[in-house]
C-alpha atoms as a PDB file:
ATOM      1  CA  MET A   1     -37.652  71.176 -19.633  1.00  0.00           C
ATOM      2  CA  MET A   2     -36.466  74.149 -21.686  1.00  0.00           C
ATOM      3  CA  THR A   3     -36.950  77.705 -20.550  1.00  0.00           C
ATOM      4  CA  LYS A   4     -39.429  79.876 -22.397  1.00  0.00           C
ATOM      5  CA  SER A   5     -36.596  82.114 -23.587  1.00  0.00           C
ATOM      6  CA  THR A   6     -34.865  79.108 -25.185  1.00  0.00           C
ATOM      7  CA  GLU A   7     -38.034  78.240 -27.066  1.00  0.00           C
ATOM      8  CA  GLN A   8     -38.313  81.853 -28.227  1.00  0.00           C
ATOM      9  CA  TYR A   9     -34.686  81.861 -29.351  1.00  0.00           C
ATOM     10  CA  ILE A  10     -35.095  78.673 -31.404  1.00  0.00           C
ATOM     11  CA  THR A  11     -38.266  80.121 -32.946  1.00  0.00           C
ATOM     12  CA  THR A  12     -36.206  83.183 -33.904  1.00  0.00           C
ATOM     13  CA  LEU A  13     -33.598  81.001 -35.625  1.00  0.00           C
ATOM     14  CA  ARG A  14     -36.312  79.193 -37.584  1.00  0.00           C
ATOM     15  CA  TYR A  15     -37.774  82.542 -38.657  1.00  0.00           C
ATOM     16  CA  LEU A  16     -34.367  83.820 -39.757  1.00  0.00           C
ATOM     17  CA  LEU A  17     -33.832  80.799 -41.987  1.00  0.00           C
ATOM     18  CA  HIS A  18     -36.724  82.060 -44.118  1.00  0.00           C
ATOM     19  CA  MET A  19     -35.186  85.516 -44.656  1.00  0.00           C
ATOM     20  CA  PRO A  20     -32.481  85.255 -47.338  1.00  0.00           C
ATOM     21  CA  THR A  21     -30.411  88.218 -48.411  1.00  0.00           C
ATOM     22  CA  ASP A  22     -28.300  89.133 -51.430  1.00  0.00           C
ATOM     23  CA  SER A  23     -25.224  89.639 -49.249  1.00  0.00           C
ATOM     24  CA  SER A  24     -22.153  87.639 -50.222  1.00  0.00           C
ATOM     25  CA  VAL A  25     -21.273  87.120 -46.554  1.00  0.00           C
ATOM     26  CA  ILE A  26     -24.535  87.009 -44.582  1.00  0.00           C
ATOM     27  CA  ALA A  27     -26.782  84.063 -45.361  1.00  0.00           C
ATOM     28  CA  TYR A  28     -29.921  85.283 -43.615  1.00  0.00           C
ATOM     29  CA  GLU A  29     -30.774  88.709 -42.229  1.00  0.00           C
ATOM     30  CA  TRP A  30     -33.732  90.211 -40.390  1.00  0.00           C
ATOM     31  CA  LEU A  31     -33.655  93.990 -40.566  1.00  0.00           C
ATOM     32  CA  GLY A  32     -35.566  95.674 -37.745  1.00  0.00           C
ATOM     33  CA  ALA A  33     -35.899  92.527 -35.635  1.00  0.00           C
ATOM     34  CA  ASN A  34     -38.255  92.814 -32.665  1.00  0.00           C
ATOM     35  CA  ILE A  35     -38.600  89.936 -30.206  1.00  0.00           C
ATOM     36  CA  ALA A  36     -40.050  89.726 -26.693  1.00  0.00           C
ATOM     37  CA  PHE A  37     -38.186  87.249 -24.502  1.00  0.00           C
ATOM     38  CA  ALA A  38     -39.183  85.874 -21.138  1.00  0.00           C
ATOM     39  CA  PRO A  39     -36.698  86.934 -18.422  1.00  0.00           C
ATOM     40  CA  GLU A  40     -35.223  83.439 -18.113  1.00  0.00           C
ATOM     41  CA  PRO A  41     -31.726  82.135 -18.914  1.00  0.00           C
ATOM     42  CA  LEU A  42     -31.059  80.402 -22.196  1.00  0.00           C
ATOM     43  CA  ASP A  43     -30.305  76.689 -22.061  1.00  0.00           C
ATOM     44  CA  CYS A  44     -28.387  76.712 -25.357  1.00  0.00           C
ATOM     45  CA  ILE A  45     -25.253  78.565 -24.248  1.00  0.00           C
ATOM     46  CA  ALA A  46     -21.614  77.751 -23.559  1.00  0.00           C
ATOM     47  CA  HIS A  47     -21.946  78.126 -19.790  1.00  0.00           C
ATOM     48  CA  LYS A  48     -18.213  78.327 -19.021  1.00  0.00           C
ATOM     49  CA  TYR A  49     -17.645  81.028 -21.617  1.00  0.00           C
ATOM     50  CA  VAL A  50     -20.626  83.050 -20.357  1.00  0.00           C
ATOM     51  CA  GLU A  51     -19.132  82.880 -16.842  1.00  0.00           C
ATOM     52  CA  HIS A  52     -15.770  84.110 -18.134  1.00  0.00           C
ATOM     53  CA  GLU A  53     -17.402  86.924 -20.084  1.00  0.00           C
ATOM     54  CA  LEU A  54     -19.449  88.015 -17.075  1.00  0.00           C
ATOM     55  CA  ASP A  55     -16.341  88.027 -14.854  1.00  0.00           C
ATOM     56  CA  TRP A  56     -14.518  90.168 -17.404  1.00  0.00           C
ATOM     57  CA  TYR A  57     -17.432  92.581 -17.754  1.00  0.00           C
ATOM     58  CA  LYS A  58     -17.596  92.946 -13.976  1.00  0.00           C
ATOM     59  CA  SER A  59     -13.896  93.881 -13.939  1.00  0.00           C
ATOM     60  CA  GLN A  60     -14.638  96.880 -16.215  1.00  0.00           C
ATOM     61  CA  ASP A  61     -11.236  96.284 -17.832  1.00  0.00           C
ATOM     62  CA  LEU A  62     -11.055  97.457 -21.449  1.00  0.00           C
ATOM     63  CA  CYS A  63      -8.093  95.123 -21.990  1.00  0.00           C
ATOM     64  CA  ILE A  64      -8.678  91.420 -22.653  1.00  0.00           C
ATOM     65  CA  ILE A  65      -5.223  90.339 -21.447  1.00  0.00           C
ATOM     66  CA  GLY A  66      -5.235  88.434 -18.162  1.00  0.00           C
ATOM     67  CA  HIS A  67      -8.877  87.391 -18.370  1.00  0.00           C
ATOM     68  CA  PRO A  68      -9.408  83.609 -18.685  1.00  0.00           C
ATOM     69  CA  GLY A  69     -11.623  82.548 -21.560  1.00  0.00           C
ATOM     70  CA  ILE A  70     -11.401  86.034 -23.097  1.00  0.00           C
ATOM     71  CA  GLU A  71      -7.756  86.766 -23.870  1.00  0.00           C
ATOM     72  CA  ASN A  72      -7.374  83.606 -25.979  1.00  0.00           C
ATOM     73  CA  ASN A  73     -10.819  83.795 -27.572  1.00  0.00           C
ATOM     74  CA  SER A  74     -10.392  84.095 -31.342  1.00  0.00           C
ATOM     75  CA  ILE A  75     -13.151  86.692 -31.739  1.00  0.00           C
ATOM     76  CA  TRP A  76     -11.819  89.019 -29.049  1.00  0.00           C
ATOM     77  CA  GLU A  77      -8.242  88.532 -30.282  1.00  0.00           C
ATOM     78  CA  ARG A  78      -9.252  89.459 -33.816  1.00  0.00           C
ATOM     79  CA  ILE A  79     -10.852  92.787 -32.826  1.00  0.00           C
ATOM     80  CA  SER A  80      -8.389  93.915 -30.138  1.00  0.00           C
ATOM     81  CA  THR A  81      -5.235  96.013 -30.557  1.00  0.00           C
ATOM     82  CA  GLU A  82      -1.742  94.567 -30.094  1.00  0.00           C
ATOM     83  CA  LYS A  83      -2.029  95.613 -26.445  1.00  0.00           C
ATOM     84  CA  GLY A  84      -5.383  93.822 -26.111  1.00  0.00           C
ATOM     85  CA  MET A  85      -7.580  96.919 -26.003  1.00  0.00           C
ATOM     86  CA  VAL A  86     -11.259  96.815 -27.047  1.00  0.00           C
ATOM     87  CA  ASN A  87     -14.349  99.018 -26.642  1.00  0.00           C
ATOM     88  CA  SER A  88     -16.947  96.374 -25.833  1.00  0.00           C
ATOM     89  CA  ASN A  89     -16.460  95.660 -22.171  1.00  0.00           C
ATOM     90  CA  TYR A  90     -20.137  96.064 -21.348  1.00  0.00           C
ATOM     91  CA  GLY A  91     -19.460  96.377 -17.627  1.00  0.00           C
ATOM     92  CA  TRP A  92     -17.259  99.395 -18.272  1.00  0.00           C
ATOM     93  CA  CYS A  93     -19.981 100.878 -20.468  1.00  0.00           C
ATOM     94  CA  ILE A  94     -22.596 100.994 -17.706  1.00  0.00           C
ATOM     95  CA  TYR A  95     -20.733 100.777 -14.358  1.00  0.00           C
ATOM     96  CA  SER A  96     -17.631 102.895 -14.846  1.00  0.00           C
ATOM     97  CA  LYS A  97     -17.410 106.431 -13.506  1.00  0.00           C
ATOM     98  CA  ASP A  98     -15.416 107.153 -16.667  1.00  0.00           C
ATOM     99  CA  ASN A  99     -18.623 106.502 -18.605  1.00  0.00           C
ATOM    100  CA  PHE A 100     -20.893 108.413 -16.216  1.00  0.00           C
ATOM    101  CA  LEU A 101     -22.089 105.649 -13.814  1.00  0.00           C
ATOM    102  CA  GLN A 102     -25.016 104.865 -16.076  1.00  0.00           C
ATOM    103  CA  PHE A 103     -26.344 101.819 -14.207  1.00  0.00           C
ATOM    104  CA  GLU A 104     -26.632 103.743 -10.961  1.00  0.00           C
ATOM    105  CA  LYS A 105     -28.188 106.773 -12.640  1.00  0.00           C
ATOM    106  CA  ALA A 106     -30.737 104.688 -14.544  1.00  0.00           C
ATOM    107  CA  CYS A 107     -31.839 102.952 -11.358  1.00  0.00           C
ATOM    108  CA  ASN A 108     -32.038 106.227  -9.456  1.00  0.00           C
ATOM    109  CA  ALA A 109     -34.170 107.733 -12.226  1.00  0.00           C
ATOM    110  CA  ILE A 110     -36.755 105.010 -11.576  1.00  0.00           C
ATOM    111  CA  ILE A 111     -36.562 105.537  -7.824  1.00  0.00           C
ATOM    112  CA  GLU A 112     -37.191 109.244  -8.236  1.00  0.00           C
ATOM    113  CA  ASP A 113     -40.063 108.687 -10.659  1.00  0.00           C
ATOM    114  CA  ASN A 114     -41.502 105.197 -11.048  1.00  0.00           C
ATOM    115  CA  ASN A 115     -43.049 106.204 -14.367  1.00  0.00           C
ATOM    116  CA  THR A 116     -39.878 107.671 -15.828  1.00  0.00           C
ATOM    117  CA  LYS A 117     -38.734 107.148 -19.392  1.00  0.00           C
ATOM    118  CA  HIS A 118     -35.216 108.311 -18.494  1.00  0.00           C
ATOM    119  CA  ALA A 119     -33.779 104.975 -17.274  1.00  0.00           C
ATOM    120  CA  VAL A 120     -31.458 104.664 -20.247  1.00  0.00           C
ATOM    121  CA  MET A 121     -27.930 103.232 -20.428  1.00  0.00           C
ATOM    122  CA  ILE A 122     -25.986 104.238 -23.544  1.00  0.00           C
ATOM    123  CA  TYR A 123     -23.287 101.769 -24.555  1.00  0.00           C
ATOM    124  CA  THR A 124     -21.919 103.465 -27.646  1.00  0.00           C
ATOM    125  CA  ARG A 125     -20.895 107.065 -28.329  1.00  0.00           C
ATOM    126  CA  PRO A 126     -20.334 109.414 -31.303  1.00  0.00           C
ATOM    127  CA  SER A 127     -16.564 108.923 -31.148  1.00  0.00           C
ATOM    128  CA  ILE A 128     -17.027 105.207 -31.833  1.00  0.00           C
ATOM    129  CA  ASN A 129     -17.087 106.107 -35.530  1.00  0.00           C
ATOM    130  CA  THR A 130     -13.301 106.495 -35.348  1.00  0.00           C
ATOM    131  CA  GLU A 131     -12.437 104.667 -32.118  1.00  0.00           C
ATOM    132  CA  TRP A 132     -13.765 101.357 -33.422  1.00  0.00           C
ATOM    133  CA  CYS A 133     -10.643 100.918 -35.578  1.00  0.00           C
ATOM    134  CA  ASP A 134      -8.078 103.534 -34.513  1.00  0.00           C
ATOM    135  CA  GLY A 135      -5.560 100.986 -33.219  1.00  0.00           C
ATOM    136  CA  VAL A 136      -5.621 102.601 -29.775  1.00  0.00           C
ATOM    137  CA  HIS A 137      -9.092 101.821 -28.450  1.00  0.00           C
ATOM    138  CA  ALA A 138      -9.575  98.775 -30.657  1.00  0.00           C
ATOM    139  CA  LYS A 139      -8.510  97.167 -33.905  1.00  0.00           C
ATOM    140  CA  SER A 140     -12.040  96.490 -35.146  1.00  0.00           C
ATOM    141  CA  ASP A 141     -14.668  96.880 -32.410  1.00  0.00           C
ATOM    142  CA  MET A 142     -17.766  98.965 -33.036  1.00  0.00           C
ATOM    143  CA  ILE A 143     -19.964  98.284 -29.998  1.00  0.00           C
ATOM    144  CA  CYS A 144     -23.030  96.214 -30.919  1.00  0.00           C
ATOM    145  CA  THR A 145     -25.369  97.268 -28.107  1.00  0.00           C
ATOM    146  CA  VAL A 146     -26.403 100.858 -28.760  1.00  0.00           C
ATOM    147  CA  TYR A 147     -28.465 101.428 -25.615  1.00  0.00           C
ATOM    148  CA  THR A 148     -30.948  99.891 -23.205  1.00  0.00           C
ATOM    149  CA  ALA A 149     -34.048 101.399 -21.630  1.00  0.00           C
ATOM    150  CA  ALA A 150     -35.921 100.165 -18.567  1.00  0.00           C
ATOM    151  CA  PHE A 151     -39.565 100.869 -17.729  1.00  0.00           C
ATOM    152  CA  LEU A 152     -41.302 100.083 -14.453  1.00  0.00           C
ATOM    153  CA  ARG A 153     -44.890  99.273 -15.331  1.00  0.00           C
ATOM    154  CA  ASN A 154     -47.380  97.331 -13.194  1.00  0.00           C
ATOM    155  CA  ASN A 155     -44.566  96.350 -10.832  1.00  0.00           C
ATOM    156  CA  LYS A 156     -42.607  94.718 -13.665  1.00  0.00           C
ATOM    157  CA  LEU A 157     -39.294  96.018 -14.933  1.00  0.00           C
ATOM    158  CA  GLN A 158     -39.599  95.880 -18.701  1.00  0.00           C
ATOM    159  CA  TYR A 159     -36.140  95.903 -20.256  1.00  0.00           C
ATOM    160  CA  HIS A 160     -35.496  97.063 -23.837  1.00  0.00           C
ATOM    161  CA  VAL A 161     -32.273  96.189 -25.670  1.00  0.00           C
ATOM    162  CA  HIS A 162     -31.360  98.063 -28.870  1.00  0.00           C
ATOM    163  CA  MET A 163     -28.652  96.417 -30.984  1.00  0.00           C
ATOM    164  CA  ARG A 164     -26.843  97.886 -33.981  1.00  0.00           C
ATOM    165  CA  SER A 165     -25.750  94.484 -35.259  1.00  0.00           C
ATOM    166  CA  ASN A 166     -26.427  91.054 -33.814  1.00  0.00           C
ATOM    167  CA  ASP A 167     -24.976  87.711 -34.867  1.00  0.00           C
ATOM    168  CA  ALA A 168     -27.822  85.334 -34.018  1.00  0.00           C
ATOM    169  CA  VAL A 169     -25.448  82.464 -33.215  1.00  0.00           C
ATOM    170  CA  PHE A 170     -22.285  83.797 -31.580  1.00  0.00           C
ATOM    171  CA  GLY A 171     -23.482  87.194 -30.396  1.00  0.00           C
ATOM    172  CA  MET A 172     -27.135  87.095 -29.452  1.00  0.00           C
ATOM    173  CA  ARG A 173     -26.982  84.273 -26.928  1.00  0.00           C
ATOM    174  CA  ASN A 174     -24.123  85.795 -24.939  1.00  0.00           C
ATOM    175  CA  ASP A 175     -25.550  89.313 -25.197  1.00  0.00           C
ATOM    176  CA  PHE A 176     -28.915  88.064 -23.946  1.00  0.00           C
ATOM    177  CA  MET A 177     -27.338  86.479 -20.866  1.00  0.00           C
ATOM    178  CA  TRP A 178     -25.544  89.743 -20.081  1.00  0.00           C
ATOM    179  CA  HIS A 179     -28.684  91.851 -20.363  1.00  0.00           C
ATOM    180  CA  LEU A 180     -30.630  89.313 -18.323  1.00  0.00           C
ATOM    181  CA  PHE A 181     -27.980  89.715 -15.611  1.00  0.00           C
ATOM    182  CA  VAL A 182     -28.243  93.513 -15.716  1.00  0.00           C
ATOM    183  CA  GLN A 183     -32.043  93.400 -15.543  1.00  0.00           C
ATOM    184  CA  LYS A 184     -31.823  91.175 -12.453  1.00  0.00           C
ATOM    185  CA  GLN A 185     -29.315  93.567 -10.904  1.00  0.00           C
ATOM    186  CA  MET A 186     -31.629  96.504 -11.513  1.00  0.00           C
ATOM    187  CA  VAL A 187     -34.535  94.673  -9.868  1.00  0.00           C
ATOM    188  CA  GLU A 188     -32.390  93.881  -6.829  1.00  0.00           C
ATOM    189  CA  TYR A 189     -31.157  97.480  -6.632  1.00  0.00           C
ATOM    190  CA  LEU A 190     -34.712  98.828  -6.757  1.00  0.00           C
ATOM    191  CA  ASN A 191     -36.113  96.322  -4.261  1.00  0.00           C
ATOM    192  CA  LYS A 192     -33.410  97.207  -1.726  1.00  0.00           C
ATOM    193  CA  ARG A 193     -34.526 100.818  -2.032  1.00  0.00           C
ATOM    194  CA  HIS A 194     -38.206 100.037  -1.467  1.00  0.00           C
ATOM    195  CA  VAL A 195     -39.293 100.028  -5.099  1.00  0.00           C
ATOM    196  CA  GLN A 196     -40.883  96.601  -5.333  1.00  0.00           C
ATOM    197  CA  CYS A 197     -40.762  94.948  -8.742  1.00  0.00           C
ATOM    198  CA  VAL A 198     -39.998  91.738 -10.604  1.00  0.00           C
ATOM    199  CA  PRO A 199     -38.384  91.201 -14.007  1.00  0.00           C
ATOM    200  CA  GLY A 200     -40.648  91.825 -16.972  1.00  0.00           C
ATOM    201  CA  ASP A 201     -40.037  90.813 -20.577  1.00  0.00           C
ATOM    202  CA  ILE A 202     -36.786  91.567 -22.346  1.00  0.00           C
ATOM    203  CA  HIS A 203     -37.721  93.338 -25.573  1.00  0.00           C
ATOM    204  CA  TRP A 204     -35.003  92.773 -28.154  1.00  0.00           C
ATOM    205  CA  PHE A 205     -34.590  95.204 -31.049  1.00  0.00           C
ATOM    206  CA  ALA A 206     -31.839  94.590 -33.612  1.00  0.00           C
ATOM    207  CA  ASP A 207     -31.176  96.742 -36.670  1.00  0.00           C
ATOM    208  CA  SER A 208     -29.584  93.678 -38.269  1.00  0.00           C
ATOM    209  CA  LEU A 209     -30.111  90.228 -36.767  1.00  0.00           C
ATOM    210  CA  HIS A 210     -28.275  87.784 -38.961  1.00  0.00           C
ATOM    211  CA  ILE A 211     -26.832  84.340 -39.554  1.00  0.00           C
ATOM    212  CA  TYR A 212     -23.517  84.072 -41.383  1.00  0.00           C
ATOM    213  CA  LYS A 213     -23.003  81.356 -43.974  1.00  0.00           C
ATOM    214  CA  SER A 214     -20.288  79.798 -41.824  1.00  0.00           C
ATOM    215  CA  SER A 215     -22.806  79.348 -38.990  1.00  0.00           C
ATOM    216  CA  ILE A 216     -25.599  77.538 -40.844  1.00  0.00           C
ATOM    217  CA  SER A 217     -24.546  74.081 -39.622  1.00  0.00           C
ATOM    218  CA  LYS A 218     -24.430  75.422 -36.042  1.00  0.00           C
ATOM    219  CA  VAL A 219     -27.957  76.794 -36.432  1.00  0.00           C
ATOM    220  CA  GLN A 220     -29.171  73.442 -37.699  1.00  0.00           C
ATOM    221  CA  ASP A 221     -27.563  71.683 -34.719  1.00  0.00           C
ATOM    222  CA  LEU A 222     -29.201  74.114 -32.282  1.00  0.00           C
ATOM    223  CA  ILE A 223     -32.634  73.593 -33.844  1.00  0.00           C
ATOM    224  CA  LYS A 224     -32.163  69.825 -33.838  1.00  0.00           C
ATOM    225  CA  THR A 225     -31.056  69.788 -30.188  1.00  0.00           C
ATOM    226  CA  TYR A 226     -33.470  72.330 -28.726  1.00  0.00           C
ATOM    227  CA  GLY A 227     -36.275  72.512 -31.288  1.00  0.00           C
END
């Protein structure tokens, strides 16, 4: 039996197929997408790749070299510098002391005030406007997740994800699994510190949620398999 989140994802794909655009590259685009997902894993993922990506994120390494499933991935290779540097190691973004220990600080904000609206983790930064393609930080990597915000309400940790750009086929599924992991980590962190809660919905906001023309057959296969 499919998870509720998988059903919601397939419904999202169906909805997108009814939103054409005039773009010469993007086939379908939903500007200002807003979806509430159940906090359950997606069935329709490449499980081995998701494991590799999670391991790399946990390493906080901004270089893709030496990370199985990442260093030879065509997408990561295309956006990295000759030395393998990128911006979008999401683990670095929220765990690293070099980026202000945001995971820890967001959790502690909730512990200090269960009703806080300060439990925010910012993935991008103003300097990304040049660092996305400066050849030092990355070749072509403007971070897609802008920020997340967590709210403890009625003993549920509601988790909001704000995306700048989101490829509904090759980005959204992997990004969802990462944010689901982080939400679970936050719940565990809070419970260990006597703030009892369970995962709430994952509210997904994307400035541009889209399907590229090259991915239409993949979308049709996903709908046929899981719809």
